[in-house]
Amino acid sequence: MKLTKDEYTGERFLEFSLGKDRPGSLVHFVNDWPQLFKREEYNWRTFHLIHLYIEDDQMLGAVELQAMLLGFGFRVRLGLKNTERLLEIQERVKEIESLPHHEECNCQICQVTGE
């Protein structure tokens, strides 16, 4: 298990694995309350009174559950199996991360966004 901090939001989440031959899983805790008091920092505000969400992600071999009540909640994503598409994505991410900073990425996303 590893506690990780999201570089964009500053929120923390717990990464873990259900086995060495399975993709990573995570638990992410959610608190909607701060955005209600920091209006100038957000483009919009979302507050969950009651929220229950279950997803079976067959392409990436995972199951996800989100549950929230009165602005507090959690998201659990369980990686169940490595799929062909997941392995392709992981390989592409390794390629992009290995590029020197001065080289341009040639992936379709960067070509569209211009980043």
PDB file of N, CA and C in Angstrom:
ATOM      1  N   MET A   1       0.839  -1.187   0.000  1.00  0.00           N
ATOM      2  CA  MET A   1       0.000   0.000   0.000  1.00  0.00           C
ATOM      3  C   MET A   1       0.876   1.239   0.000  1.00  0.00           C
ATOM      4  N   LYS A   2       0.375   2.271  -0.695  1.00  0.00           N
ATOM      5  CA  LYS A   2       1.148   3.510  -0.782  1.00  0.00           C
ATOM      6  C   LYS A   2       0.176   4.685  -0.771  1.00  0.00           C
ATOM      7  N   LEU A   3       0.414   5.646   0.106  1.00  0.00           N
ATOM      8  CA  LEU A   3      -0.384   6.863   0.161  1.00  0.00           C
ATOM      9  C   LEU A   3       0.217   7.862  -0.818  1.00  0.00           C
ATOM     10  N   THR A   4      -0.600   8.360  -1.756  1.00  0.00           N
ATOM     11  CA  THR A   4      -0.127   9.239  -2.820  1.00  0.00           C
ATOM     12  C   THR A   4      -0.904  10.538  -2.802  1.00  0.00           C
ATOM     13  N   LYS A   5      -0.223  11.631  -3.154  1.00  0.00           N
ATOM     14  CA  LYS A   5      -0.864  12.944  -3.227  1.00  0.00           C
ATOM     15  C   LYS A   5      -1.056  13.312  -4.696  1.00  0.00           C
ATOM     16  N   ASP A   6      -2.274  13.681  -5.084  1.00  0.00           N
ATOM     17  CA  ASP A   6      -2.571  14.093  -6.446  1.00  0.00           C
ATOM     18  C   ASP A   6      -1.885  15.422  -6.717  1.00  0.00           C
ATOM     19  N   GLU A   7      -1.099  15.497  -7.802  1.00  0.00           N
ATOM     20  CA  GLU A   7      -0.324  16.714  -8.069  1.00  0.00           C
ATOM     21  C   GLU A   7      -1.188  17.896  -8.466  1.00  0.00           C
ATOM     22  N   TYR A   8      -2.411  17.673  -8.947  1.00  0.00           N
ATOM     23  CA  TYR A   8      -3.261  18.773  -9.382  1.00  0.00           C
ATOM     24  C   TYR A   8      -4.197  19.267  -8.280  1.00  0.00           C
ATOM     25  N   THR A   9      -4.835  18.340  -7.565  1.00  0.00           N
ATOM     26  CA  THR A   9      -5.812  18.749  -6.559  1.00  0.00           C
ATOM     27  C   THR A   9      -5.246  18.790  -5.149  1.00  0.00           C
ATOM     28  N   GLY A  10      -4.127  18.095  -4.916  1.00  0.00           N
ATOM     29  CA  GLY A  10      -3.563  18.041  -3.573  1.00  0.00           C
ATOM     30  C   GLY A  10      -4.241  17.008  -2.690  1.00  0.00           C
ATOM     31  N   GLU A  11      -5.258  16.318  -3.214  1.00  0.00           N
ATOM     32  CA  GLU A  11      -5.947  15.296  -2.433  1.00  0.00           C
ATOM     33  C   GLU A  11      -5.100  14.034  -2.366  1.00  0.00           C
ATOM     34  N   ARG A  12      -5.291  13.290  -1.315  1.00  0.00           N
ATOM     35  CA  ARG A  12      -4.527  12.060  -1.119  1.00  0.00           C
ATOM     36  C   ARG A  12      -5.398  10.840  -1.408  1.00  0.00           C
ATOM     37  N   PHE A  13      -4.746   9.787  -1.907  1.00  0.00           N
ATOM     38  CA  PHE A  13      -5.443   8.537  -2.126  1.00  0.00           C
ATOM     39  C   PHE A  13      -4.511   7.380  -1.823  1.00  0.00           C
ATOM     40  N   LEU A  14      -5.085   6.241  -1.547  1.00  0.00           N
ATOM     41  CA  LEU A  14      -4.343   5.052  -1.155  1.00  0.00           C
ATOM     42  C   LEU A  14      -4.289   4.100  -2.339  1.00  0.00           C
ATOM     43  N   GLU A  15      -3.077   3.742  -2.766  1.00  0.00           N
ATOM     44  CA  GLU A  15      -2.895   2.786  -3.859  1.00  0.00           C
ATOM     45  C   GLU A  15      -2.546   1.429  -3.258  1.00  0.00           C
ATOM     46  N   PHE A  16      -3.104   0.352  -3.831  1.00  0.00           N
ATOM     47  CA  PHE A  16      -2.786  -0.991  -3.376  1.00  0.00           C
ATOM     48  C   PHE A  16      -3.033  -1.967  -4.516  1.00  0.00           C
ATOM     49  N   SER A  17      -2.615  -3.204  -4.337  1.00  0.00           N
ATOM     50  CA  SER A  17      -2.809  -4.219  -5.363  1.00  0.00           C
ATOM     51  C   SER A  17      -3.448  -5.449  -4.730  1.00  0.00           C
ATOM     52  N   LEU A  18      -4.318  -6.088  -5.493  1.00  0.00           N
ATOM     53  CA  LEU A  18      -4.963  -7.307  -5.021  1.00  0.00           C
ATOM     54  C   LEU A  18      -4.138  -8.549  -5.343  1.00  0.00           C
ATOM     55  N   GLY A  19      -3.008  -8.374  -5.982  1.00  0.00           N
ATOM     56  CA  GLY A  19      -2.113  -9.470  -6.350  1.00  0.00           C
ATOM     57  C   GLY A  19      -1.112  -8.987  -7.378  1.00  0.00           C
ATOM     58  N   LYS A  20       0.020  -9.674  -7.495  1.00  0.00           N
ATOM     59  CA  LYS A  20       1.064  -9.182  -8.390  1.00  0.00           C
ATOM     60  C   LYS A  20       0.685  -9.279  -9.862  1.00  0.00           C
ATOM     61  N   ASP A  21      -0.252 -10.131 -10.223  1.00  0.00           N
ATOM     62  CA  ASP A  21      -0.666 -10.253 -11.618  1.00  0.00           C
ATOM     63  C   ASP A  21      -1.922  -9.435 -11.929  1.00  0.00           C
ATOM     64  N   ARG A  22      -2.282  -8.534 -11.017  1.00  0.00           N
ATOM     65  CA  ARG A  22      -3.461  -7.686 -11.213  1.00  0.00           C
ATOM     66  C   ARG A  22      -3.055  -6.222 -11.278  1.00  0.00           C
ATOM     67  N   PRO A  23      -3.839  -5.414 -12.000  1.00  0.00           N
ATOM     68  CA  PRO A  23      -3.524  -3.976 -12.047  1.00  0.00           C
ATOM     69  C   PRO A  23      -3.764  -3.320 -10.689  1.00  0.00           C
ATOM     70  N   GLY A  24      -3.245  -2.107 -10.539  1.00  0.00           N
ATOM     71  CA  GLY A  24      -3.374  -1.378  -9.282  1.00  0.00           C
ATOM     72  C   GLY A  24      -4.811  -1.014  -8.948  1.00  0.00           C
ATOM     73  N   SER A  25      -5.063  -0.873  -7.667  1.00  0.00           N
ATOM     74  CA  SER A  25      -6.364  -0.457  -7.150  1.00  0.00           C
ATOM     75  C   SER A  25      -6.146   0.792  -6.310  1.00  0.00           C
ATOM     76  N   LEU A  26      -7.236   1.498  -6.009  1.00  0.00           N
ATOM     77  CA  LEU A  26      -7.086   2.686  -5.183  1.00  0.00           C
ATOM     78  C   LEU A  26      -8.338   2.985  -4.388  1.00  0.00           C
ATOM     79  N   VAL A  27      -8.144   3.732  -3.307  1.00  0.00           N
ATOM     80  CA  VAL A  27      -9.235   4.270  -2.493  1.00  0.00           C
ATOM     81  C   VAL A  27      -8.991   5.770  -2.410  1.00  0.00           C
ATOM     82  N   HIS A  28      -9.996   6.543  -2.755  1.00  0.00           N
ATOM     83  CA  HIS A  28      -9.892   7.998  -2.784  1.00  0.00           C
ATOM     84  C   HIS A  28     -11.030   8.566  -1.938  1.00  0.00           C
ATOM     85  N   PHE A  29     -10.709   9.357  -0.950  1.00  0.00           N
ATOM     86  CA  PHE A  29     -11.726   9.962  -0.093  1.00  0.00           C
ATOM     87  C   PHE A  29     -12.081  11.339  -0.636  1.00  0.00           C
ATOM     88  N   VAL A  30     -13.368  11.680  -0.597  1.00  0.00           N
ATOM     89  CA  VAL A  30     -13.866  12.912  -1.206  1.00  0.00           C
ATOM     90  C   VAL A  30     -14.540  13.779  -0.147  1.00  0.00           C
ATOM     91  N   ASN A  31     -14.245  15.088  -0.205  1.00  0.00           N
ATOM     92  CA  ASN A  31     -14.861  16.068   0.680  1.00  0.00           C
ATOM     93  C   ASN A  31     -15.288  17.255  -0.178  1.00  0.00           C
ATOM     94  N   ASP A  32     -16.590  17.439  -0.382  1.00  0.00           N
ATOM     95  CA  ASP A  32     -17.117  18.531  -1.205  1.00  0.00           C
ATOM     96  C   ASP A  32     -17.194  19.870  -0.477  1.00  0.00           C
ATOM     97  N   TRP A  33     -17.043  19.893   0.825  1.00  0.00           N
ATOM     98  CA  TRP A  33     -17.283  21.098   1.607  1.00  0.00           C
ATOM     99  C   TRP A  33     -16.342  22.263   1.323  1.00  0.00           C
ATOM    100  N   PRO A  34     -15.033  22.072   1.149  1.00  0.00           N
ATOM    101  CA  PRO A  34     -14.139  23.231   0.959  1.00  0.00           C
ATOM    102  C   PRO A  34     -14.518  24.121  -0.218  1.00  0.00           C
ATOM    103  N   GLN A  35     -15.018  23.544  -1.303  1.00  0.00           N
ATOM    104  CA  GLN A  35     -15.342  24.365  -2.471  1.00  0.00           C
ATOM    105  C   GLN A  35     -16.512  25.309  -2.206  1.00  0.00           C
ATOM    106  N   LEU A  36     -17.319  25.040  -1.203  1.00  0.00           N
ATOM    107  CA  LEU A  36     -18.442  25.928  -0.883  1.00  0.00           C
ATOM    108  C   LEU A  36     -17.956  27.233  -0.268  1.00  0.00           C
ATOM    109  N   PHE A  37     -16.787  27.197   0.379  1.00  0.00           N
ATOM    110  CA  PHE A  37     -16.280  28.370   1.078  1.00  0.00           C
ATOM    111  C   PHE A  37     -15.154  29.085   0.335  1.00  0.00           C
ATOM    112  N   LYS A  38     -14.675  28.492  -0.752  1.00  0.00           N
ATOM    113  CA  LYS A  38     -13.614  29.098  -1.553  1.00  0.00           C
ATOM    114  C   LYS A  38     -14.141  29.350  -2.962  1.00  0.00           C
ATOM    115  N   ARG A  39     -15.121  30.182  -3.079  1.00  0.00           N
ATOM    116  CA  ARG A  39     -15.811  30.394  -4.347  1.00  0.00           C
ATOM    117  C   ARG A  39     -14.904  30.904  -5.456  1.00  0.00           C
ATOM    118  N   GLU A  40     -13.949  31.755  -5.135  1.00  0.00           N
ATOM    119  CA  GLU A  40     -13.099  32.341  -6.169  1.00  0.00           C
ATOM    120  C   GLU A  40     -12.105  31.341  -6.751  1.00  0.00           C
ATOM    121  N   GLU A  41     -11.871  30.198  -6.101  1.00  0.00           N
ATOM    122  CA  GLU A  41     -10.890  29.232  -6.571  1.00  0.00           C
ATOM    123  C   GLU A  41     -11.466  28.212  -7.550  1.00  0.00           C
ATOM    124  N   TYR A  42     -12.775  28.191  -7.733  1.00  0.00           N
ATOM    125  CA  TYR A  42     -13.398  27.166  -8.561  1.00  0.00           C
ATOM    126  C   TYR A  42     -14.252  27.798  -9.660  1.00  0.00           C
ATOM    127  N   ASN A  43     -14.253  27.162 -10.825  1.00  0.00           N
ATOM    128  CA  ASN A  43     -15.115  27.618 -11.920  1.00  0.00           C
ATOM    129  C   ASN A  43     -16.577  27.252 -11.660  1.00  0.00           C
ATOM    130  N   TRP A  44     -16.799  26.132 -10.996  1.00  0.00           N
ATOM    131  CA  TRP A  44     -18.141  25.702 -10.632  1.00  0.00           C
ATOM    132  C   TRP A  44     -18.041  24.904  -9.334  1.00  0.00           C
ATOM    133  N   ARG A  45     -19.157  24.680  -8.725  1.00  0.00           N
ATOM    134  CA  ARG A  45     -19.207  23.927  -7.474  1.00  0.00           C
ATOM    135  C   ARG A  45     -20.124  22.727  -7.651  1.00  0.00           C
ATOM    136  N   THR A  46     -19.695  21.612  -7.103  1.00  0.00           N
ATOM    137  CA  THR A  46     -20.501  20.394  -7.118  1.00  0.00           C
ATOM    138  C   THR A  46     -20.615  19.904  -5.687  1.00  0.00           C
ATOM    139  N   PHE A  47     -21.822  19.615  -5.268  1.00  0.00           N
ATOM    140  CA  PHE A  47     -22.034  19.103  -3.916  1.00  0.00           C
ATOM    141  C   PHE A  47     -22.941  17.888  -4.022  1.00  0.00           C
ATOM    142  N   HIS A  48     -22.516  16.776  -3.465  1.00  0.00           N
ATOM    143  CA  HIS A  48     -23.290  15.533  -3.524  1.00  0.00           C
ATOM    144  C   HIS A  48     -24.072  15.347  -2.227  1.00  0.00           C
ATOM    145  N   LEU A  49     -25.371  15.442  -2.311  1.00  0.00           N
ATOM    146  CA  LEU A  49     -26.203  15.131  -1.144  1.00  0.00           C
ATOM    147  C   LEU A  49     -26.219  13.620  -0.929  1.00  0.00           C
ATOM    148  N   ILE A  50     -26.635  12.890  -1.974  1.00  0.00           N
ATOM    149  CA  ILE A  50     -26.616  11.427  -1.965  1.00  0.00           C
ATOM    150  C   ILE A  50     -26.139  10.986  -3.343  1.00  0.00           C
ATOM    151  N   HIS A  51     -25.139  10.138  -3.375  1.00  0.00           N
ATOM    152  CA  HIS A  51     -24.584   9.712  -4.655  1.00  0.00           C
ATOM    153  C   HIS A  51     -24.100   8.270  -4.519  1.00  0.00           C
ATOM    154  N   LEU A  52     -24.568   7.389  -5.406  1.00  0.00           N
ATOM    155  CA  LEU A  52     -24.104   6.006  -5.448  1.00  0.00           C
ATOM    156  C   LEU A  52     -23.850   5.653  -6.902  1.00  0.00           C
ATOM    157  N   TYR A  53     -22.663   5.144  -7.193  1.00  0.00           N
ATOM    158  CA  TYR A  53     -22.244   4.897  -8.569  1.00  0.00           C
ATOM    159  C   TYR A  53     -21.449   3.601  -8.600  1.00  0.00           C
ATOM    160  N   ILE A  54     -21.811   2.700  -9.517  1.00  0.00           N
ATOM    161  CA  ILE A  54     -21.082   1.447  -9.687  1.00  0.00           C
ATOM    162  C   ILE A  54     -20.767   1.293 -11.167  1.00  0.00           C
ATOM    163  N   GLU A  55     -19.513   0.980 -11.474  1.00  0.00           N
ATOM    164  CA  GLU A  55     -19.099   0.833 -12.864  1.00  0.00           C
ATOM    165  C   GLU A  55     -18.309  -0.455 -13.034  1.00  0.00           C
ATOM    166  N   ASP A  56     -18.624  -1.196 -14.085  1.00  0.00           N
ATOM    167  CA  ASP A  56     -17.872  -2.382 -14.475  1.00  0.00           C
ATOM    168  C   ASP A  56     -17.087  -2.010 -15.722  1.00  0.00           C
ATOM    169  N   ASP A  57     -15.812  -1.729 -15.575  1.00  0.00           N
ATOM    170  CA  ASP A  57     -14.963  -1.274 -16.671  1.00  0.00           C
ATOM    171  C   ASP A  57     -14.306  -2.490 -17.318  1.00  0.00           C
ATOM    172  N   GLN A  58     -14.956  -3.051 -18.310  1.00  0.00           N
ATOM    173  CA  GLN A  58     -14.464  -4.266 -18.949  1.00  0.00           C
ATOM    174  C   GLN A  58     -13.206  -4.011 -19.778  1.00  0.00           C
ATOM    175  N   MET A  59     -13.109  -2.835 -20.403  1.00  0.00           N
ATOM    176  CA  MET A  59     -11.957  -2.534 -21.237  1.00  0.00           C
ATOM    177  C   MET A  59     -10.658  -2.501 -20.421  1.00  0.00           C
ATOM    178  N   LEU A  60     -10.708  -1.939 -19.205  1.00  0.00           N
ATOM    179  CA  LEU A  60      -9.517  -1.826 -18.370  1.00  0.00           C
ATOM    180  C   LEU A  60      -9.483  -2.850 -17.239  1.00  0.00           C
ATOM    181  N   GLY A  61     -10.471  -3.750 -17.182  1.00  0.00           N
ATOM    182  CA  GLY A  61     -10.460  -4.840 -16.216  1.00  0.00           C
ATOM    183  C   GLY A  61     -10.601  -4.411 -14.777  1.00  0.00           C
ATOM    184  N   ALA A  62     -11.561  -3.519 -14.496  1.00  0.00           N
ATOM    185  CA  ALA A  62     -11.713  -3.016 -13.128  1.00  0.00           C
ATOM    186  C   ALA A  62     -13.194  -2.818 -12.780  1.00  0.00           C
ATOM    187  N   VAL A  63     -13.452  -2.708 -11.501  1.00  0.00           N
ATOM    188  CA  VAL A  63     -14.775  -2.377 -10.975  1.00  0.00           C
ATOM    189  C   VAL A  63     -14.592  -1.165 -10.076  1.00  0.00           C
ATOM    190  N   GLU A  64     -15.510  -0.199 -10.184  1.00  0.00           N
ATOM    191  CA  GLU A  64     -15.404   1.025  -9.402  1.00  0.00           C
ATOM    192  C   GLU A  64     -16.711   1.280  -8.654  1.00  0.00           C
ATOM    193  N   LEU A  65     -16.589   1.731  -7.429  1.00  0.00           N
ATOM    194  CA  LEU A  65     -17.737   2.085  -6.596  1.00  0.00           C
ATOM    195  C   LEU A  65     -17.490   3.464  -6.017  1.00  0.00           C
ATOM    196  N   GLN A  66     -18.486   4.349  -6.142  1.00  0.00           N
ATOM    197  CA  GLN A  66     -18.438   5.660  -5.498  1.00  0.00           C
ATOM    198  C   GLN A  66     -19.672   5.775  -4.618  1.00  0.00           C
ATOM    199  N   ALA A  67     -19.491   6.255  -3.417  1.00  0.00           N
ATOM    200  CA  ALA A  67     -20.606   6.474  -2.509  1.00  0.00           C
ATOM    201  C   ALA A  67     -20.364   7.771  -1.744  1.00  0.00           C
ATOM    202  N   MET A  68     -21.393   8.633  -1.696  1.00  0.00           N
ATOM    203  CA  MET A  68     -21.270   9.904  -0.986  1.00  0.00           C
ATOM    204  C   MET A  68     -22.576  10.223  -0.273  1.00  0.00           C
ATOM    205  N   LEU A  69     -22.437  10.865   0.861  1.00  0.00           N
ATOM    206  CA  LEU A  69     -23.588  11.312   1.633  1.00  0.00           C
ATOM    207  C   LEU A  69     -23.228  12.648   2.280  1.00  0.00           C
ATOM    208  N   LEU A  70     -24.027  13.670   2.001  1.00  0.00           N
ATOM    209  CA  LEU A  70     -23.850  15.007   2.558  1.00  0.00           C
ATOM    210  C   LEU A  70     -22.438  15.571   2.339  1.00  0.00           C
ATOM    211  N   GLY A  71     -21.900  15.358   1.151  1.00  0.00           N
ATOM    212  CA  GLY A  71     -20.614  15.948   0.792  1.00  0.00           C
ATOM    213  C   GLY A  71     -19.384  15.153   1.154  1.00  0.00           C
ATOM    214  N   PHE A  72     -19.527  14.071   1.885  1.00  0.00           N
ATOM    215  CA  PHE A  72     -18.398  13.212   2.239  1.00  0.00           C
ATOM    216  C   PHE A  72     -18.587  11.855   1.590  1.00  0.00           C
ATOM    217  N   GLY A  73     -17.492  11.287   1.108  1.00  0.00           N
ATOM    218  CA  GLY A  73     -17.617   9.979   0.493  1.00  0.00           C
ATOM    219  C   GLY A  73     -16.285   9.392   0.104  1.00  0.00           C
ATOM    220  N   PHE A  74     -16.357   8.361  -0.716  1.00  0.00           N
ATOM    221  CA  PHE A  74     -15.153   7.675  -1.150  1.00  0.00           C
ATOM    222  C   PHE A  74     -15.376   7.059  -2.524  1.00  0.00           C
ATOM    223  N   ARG A  75     -14.263   6.763  -3.167  1.00  0.00           N
ATOM    224  CA  ARG A  75     -14.266   6.053  -4.440  1.00  0.00           C
ATOM    225  C   ARG A  75     -13.281   4.913  -4.310  1.00  0.00           C
ATOM    226  N   VAL A  76     -13.716   3.708  -4.636  1.00  0.00           N
ATOM    227  CA  VAL A  76     -12.858   2.530  -4.597  1.00  0.00           C
ATOM    228  C   VAL A  76     -12.810   1.955  -6.006  1.00  0.00           C
ATOM    229  N   ARG A  77     -11.614   1.786  -6.534  1.00  0.00           N
ATOM    230  CA  ARG A  77     -11.430   1.170  -7.840  1.00  0.00           C
ATOM    231  C   ARG A  77     -10.575  -0.074  -7.651  1.00  0.00           C
ATOM    232  N   LEU A  78     -11.144  -1.228  -7.985  1.00  0.00           N
ATOM    233  CA  LEU A  78     -10.449  -2.494  -7.834  1.00  0.00           C
ATOM    234  C   LEU A  78     -10.001  -2.988  -9.200  1.00  0.00           C
ATOM    235  N   GLY A  79      -8.701  -3.123  -9.393  1.00  0.00           N
ATOM    236  CA  GLY A  79      -8.159  -3.683 -10.622  1.00  0.00           C
ATOM    237  C   GLY A  79      -8.240  -5.196 -10.554  1.00  0.00           C
ATOM    238  N   LEU A  80      -9.046  -5.800 -11.416  1.00  0.00           N
ATOM    239  CA  LEU A  80      -9.295  -7.232 -11.335  1.00  0.00           C
ATOM    240  C   LEU A  80      -8.412  -8.058 -12.271  1.00  0.00           C
ATOM    241  N   LYS A  81      -8.150  -7.544 -13.472  1.00  0.00           N
ATOM    242  CA  LYS A  81      -7.330  -8.312 -14.412  1.00  0.00           C
ATOM    243  C   LYS A  81      -6.667  -7.363 -15.399  1.00  0.00           C
ATOM    244  N   ASN A  82      -5.525  -7.788 -15.912  1.00  0.00           N
ATOM    245  CA  ASN A  82      -4.831  -7.037 -16.949  1.00  0.00           C
ATOM    246  C   ASN A  82      -5.461  -7.384 -18.294  1.00  0.00           C
ATOM    247  N   THR A  83      -5.986  -6.393 -18.957  1.00  0.00           N
ATOM    248  CA  THR A  83      -6.554  -6.611 -20.287  1.00  0.00           C
ATOM    249  C   THR A  83      -5.544  -6.154 -21.339  1.00  0.00           C
ATOM    250  N   GLU A  84      -5.775  -6.561 -22.574  1.00  0.00           N
ATOM    251  CA  GLU A  84      -4.878  -6.169 -23.660  1.00  0.00           C
ATOM    252  C   GLU A  84      -4.828  -4.649 -23.800  1.00  0.00           C
ATOM    253  N   ARG A  85      -5.967  -3.987 -23.705  1.00  0.00           N
ATOM    254  CA  ARG A  85      -6.026  -2.523 -23.845  1.00  0.00           C
ATOM    255  C   ARG A  85      -5.282  -1.835 -22.699  1.00  0.00           C
ATOM    256  N   LEU A  86      -5.435  -2.330 -21.483  1.00  0.00           N
ATOM    257  CA  LEU A  86      -4.731  -1.759 -20.327  1.00  0.00           C
ATOM    258  C   LEU A  86      -3.224  -1.865 -20.512  1.00  0.00           C
ATOM    259  N   LEU A  87      -2.748  -3.004 -20.968  1.00  0.00           N
ATOM    260  CA  LEU A  87      -1.314  -3.188 -21.180  1.00  0.00           C
ATOM    261  C   LEU A  87      -0.799  -2.257 -22.274  1.00  0.00           C
ATOM    262  N   GLU A  88      -1.597  -2.018 -23.322  1.00  0.00           N
ATOM    263  CA  GLU A  88      -1.219  -1.073 -24.376  1.00  0.00           C
ATOM    264  C   GLU A  88      -1.075   0.346 -23.806  1.00  0.00           C
ATOM    265  N   ILE A  89      -2.038   0.744 -22.990  1.00  0.00           N
ATOM    266  CA  ILE A  89      -2.004   2.087 -22.393  1.00  0.00           C
ATOM    267  C   ILE A  89      -0.791   2.236 -21.474  1.00  0.00           C
ATOM    268  N   GLN A  90      -0.528   1.236 -20.645  1.00  0.00           N
ATOM    269  CA  GLN A  90       0.610   1.297 -19.739  1.00  0.00           C
ATOM    270  C   GLN A  90       1.927   1.382 -20.510  1.00  0.00           C
ATOM    271  N   GLU A  91       2.032   0.653 -21.623  1.00  0.00           N
ATOM    272  CA  GLU A  91       3.242   0.702 -22.446  1.00  0.00           C
ATOM    273  C   GLU A  91       3.422   2.086 -23.057  1.00  0.00           C
ATOM    274  N   ARG A  92       2.333   2.682 -23.518  1.00  0.00           N
ATOM    275  CA  ARG A  92       2.402   4.017 -24.120  1.00  0.00           C
ATOM    276  C   ARG A  92       2.799   5.070 -23.076  1.00  0.00           C
ATOM    277  N   VAL A  93       2.269   4.964 -21.874  1.00  0.00           N
ATOM    278  CA  VAL A  93       2.638   5.895 -20.802  1.00  0.00           C
ATOM    279  C   VAL A  93       4.129   5.790 -20.503  1.00  0.00           C
ATOM    280  N   LYS A  94       4.677   4.572 -20.474  1.00  0.00           N
ATOM    281  CA  LYS A  94       6.120   4.398 -20.245  1.00  0.00           C
ATOM    282  C   LYS A  94       6.924   5.061 -21.349  1.00  0.00           C
ATOM    283  N   GLU A  95       6.464   4.937 -22.598  1.00  0.00           N
ATOM    284  CA  GLU A  95       7.158   5.575 -23.717  1.00  0.00           C
ATOM    285  C   GLU A  95       7.172   7.096 -23.562  1.00  0.00           C
ATOM    286  N   ILE A  96       6.031   7.660 -23.212  1.00  0.00           N
ATOM    287  CA  ILE A  96       5.918   9.109 -23.062  1.00  0.00           C
ATOM    288  C   ILE A  96       6.785   9.598 -21.903  1.00  0.00           C
ATOM    289  N   GLU A  97       6.755   8.883 -20.778  1.00  0.00           N
ATOM    290  CA  GLU A  97       7.550   9.289 -19.619  1.00  0.00           C
ATOM    291  C   GLU A  97       9.045   9.185 -19.881  1.00  0.00           C
ATOM    292  N   SER A  98       9.453   8.313 -20.795  1.00  0.00           N
ATOM    293  CA  SER A  98      10.876   8.152 -21.075  1.00  0.00           C
ATOM    294  C   SER A  98      11.417   9.193 -22.055  1.00  0.00           C
ATOM    295  N   LEU A  99      10.539   9.985 -22.681  1.00  0.00           N
ATOM    296  CA  LEU A  99      10.988  11.014 -23.616  1.00  0.00           C
ATOM    297  C   LEU A  99      11.743  12.108 -22.879  1.00  0.00           C
ATOM    298  N   PRO A 100      12.868  12.557 -23.430  1.00  0.00           N
ATOM    299  CA  PRO A 100      13.531  13.730 -22.840  1.00  0.00           C
ATOM    300  C   PRO A 100      12.602  14.940 -22.943  1.00  0.00           C
ATOM    301  N   HIS A 101      12.738  15.872 -22.037  1.00  0.00           N
ATOM    302  CA  HIS A 101      11.823  17.015 -21.997  1.00  0.00           C
ATOM    303  C   HIS A 101      11.872  17.870 -23.253  1.00  0.00           C
ATOM    304  N   HIS A 102      12.963  17.856 -23.977  1.00  0.00           N
ATOM    305  CA  HIS A 102      13.065  18.695 -25.165  1.00  0.00           C
ATOM    306  C   HIS A 102      12.404  18.060 -26.396  1.00  0.00           C
ATOM    307  N   GLU A 103      12.082  16.753 -26.313  1.00  0.00           N
ATOM    308  CA  GLU A 103      11.444  16.103 -27.450  1.00  0.00           C
ATOM    309  C   GLU A 103       9.930  16.283 -27.394  1.00  0.00           C
ATOM    310  N   GLU A 104       9.323  16.353 -28.539  1.00  0.00           N
ATOM    311  CA  GLU A 104       7.870  16.482 -28.635  1.00  0.00           C
ATOM    312  C   GLU A 104       7.230  15.099 -28.596  1.00  0.00           C
ATOM    313  N   CYS A 105       6.114  14.992 -27.940  1.00  0.00           N
ATOM    314  CA  CYS A 105       5.345  13.756 -27.941  1.00  0.00           C
ATOM    315  C   CYS A 105       4.549  13.702 -29.240  1.00  0.00           C
ATOM    316  N   ASN A 106       4.408  12.525 -29.822  1.00  0.00           N
ATOM    317  CA  ASN A 106       3.650  12.407 -31.066  1.00  0.00           C
ATOM    318  C   ASN A 106       2.304  11.700 -30.877  1.00  0.00           C
ATOM    319  N   CYS A 107       1.822  11.642 -29.651  1.00  0.00           N
ATOM    320  CA  CYS A 107       0.530  10.989 -29.433  1.00  0.00           C
ATOM    321  C   CYS A 107      -0.594  11.902 -29.928  1.00  0.00           C
ATOM    322  N   GLN A 108      -1.725  11.326 -30.223  1.00  0.00           N
ATOM    323  CA  GLN A 108      -2.843  12.079 -30.783  1.00  0.00           C
ATOM    324  C   GLN A 108      -3.370  13.130 -29.813  1.00  0.00           C
ATOM    325  N   ILE A 109      -3.319  12.856 -28.529  1.00  0.00           N
ATOM    326  CA  ILE A 109      -3.843  13.808 -27.544  1.00  0.00           C
ATOM    327  C   ILE A 109      -3.027  15.093 -27.553  1.00  0.00           C
ATOM    328  N   CYS A 110      -1.695  14.963 -27.542  1.00  0.00           N
ATOM    329  CA  CYS A 110      -0.839  16.152 -27.546  1.00  0.00           C
ATOM    330  C   CYS A 110      -0.987  16.935 -28.849  1.00  0.00           C
ATOM    331  N   GLN A 111      -1.208  16.224 -29.966  1.00  0.00           N
ATOM    332  CA  GLN A 111      -1.394  16.914 -31.243  1.00  0.00           C
ATOM    333  C   GLN A 111      -2.677  17.732 -31.236  1.00  0.00           C
ATOM    334  N   VAL A 112      -3.699  17.242 -30.563  1.00  0.00           N
ATOM    335  CA  VAL A 112      -4.973  17.964 -30.527  1.00  0.00           C
ATOM    336  C   VAL A 112      -4.894  19.159 -29.574  1.00  0.00           C
ATOM    337  N   THR A 113      -4.332  18.954 -28.374  1.00  0.00           N
ATOM    338  CA  THR A 113      -4.303  20.011 -27.359  1.00  0.00           C
ATOM    339  C   THR A 113      -3.143  20.966 -27.550  1.00  0.00           C
ATOM    340  N   GLY A 114      -2.124  20.555 -28.287  1.00  0.00           N
ATOM    341  CA  GLY A 114      -0.967  21.411 -28.498  1.00  0.00           C
ATOM    342  C   GLY A 114      -0.019  21.463 -27.320  1.00  0.00           C
ATOM    343  N   GLU A 115      -0.151  20.556 -26.376  1.00  0.00           N
ATOM    344  CA  GLU A 115       0.743  20.537 -25.194  1.00  0.00           C
ATOM    345  C   GLU A 115       2.017  19.794 -25.513  1.00  0.00           C
TER     346      GLU A 115
END
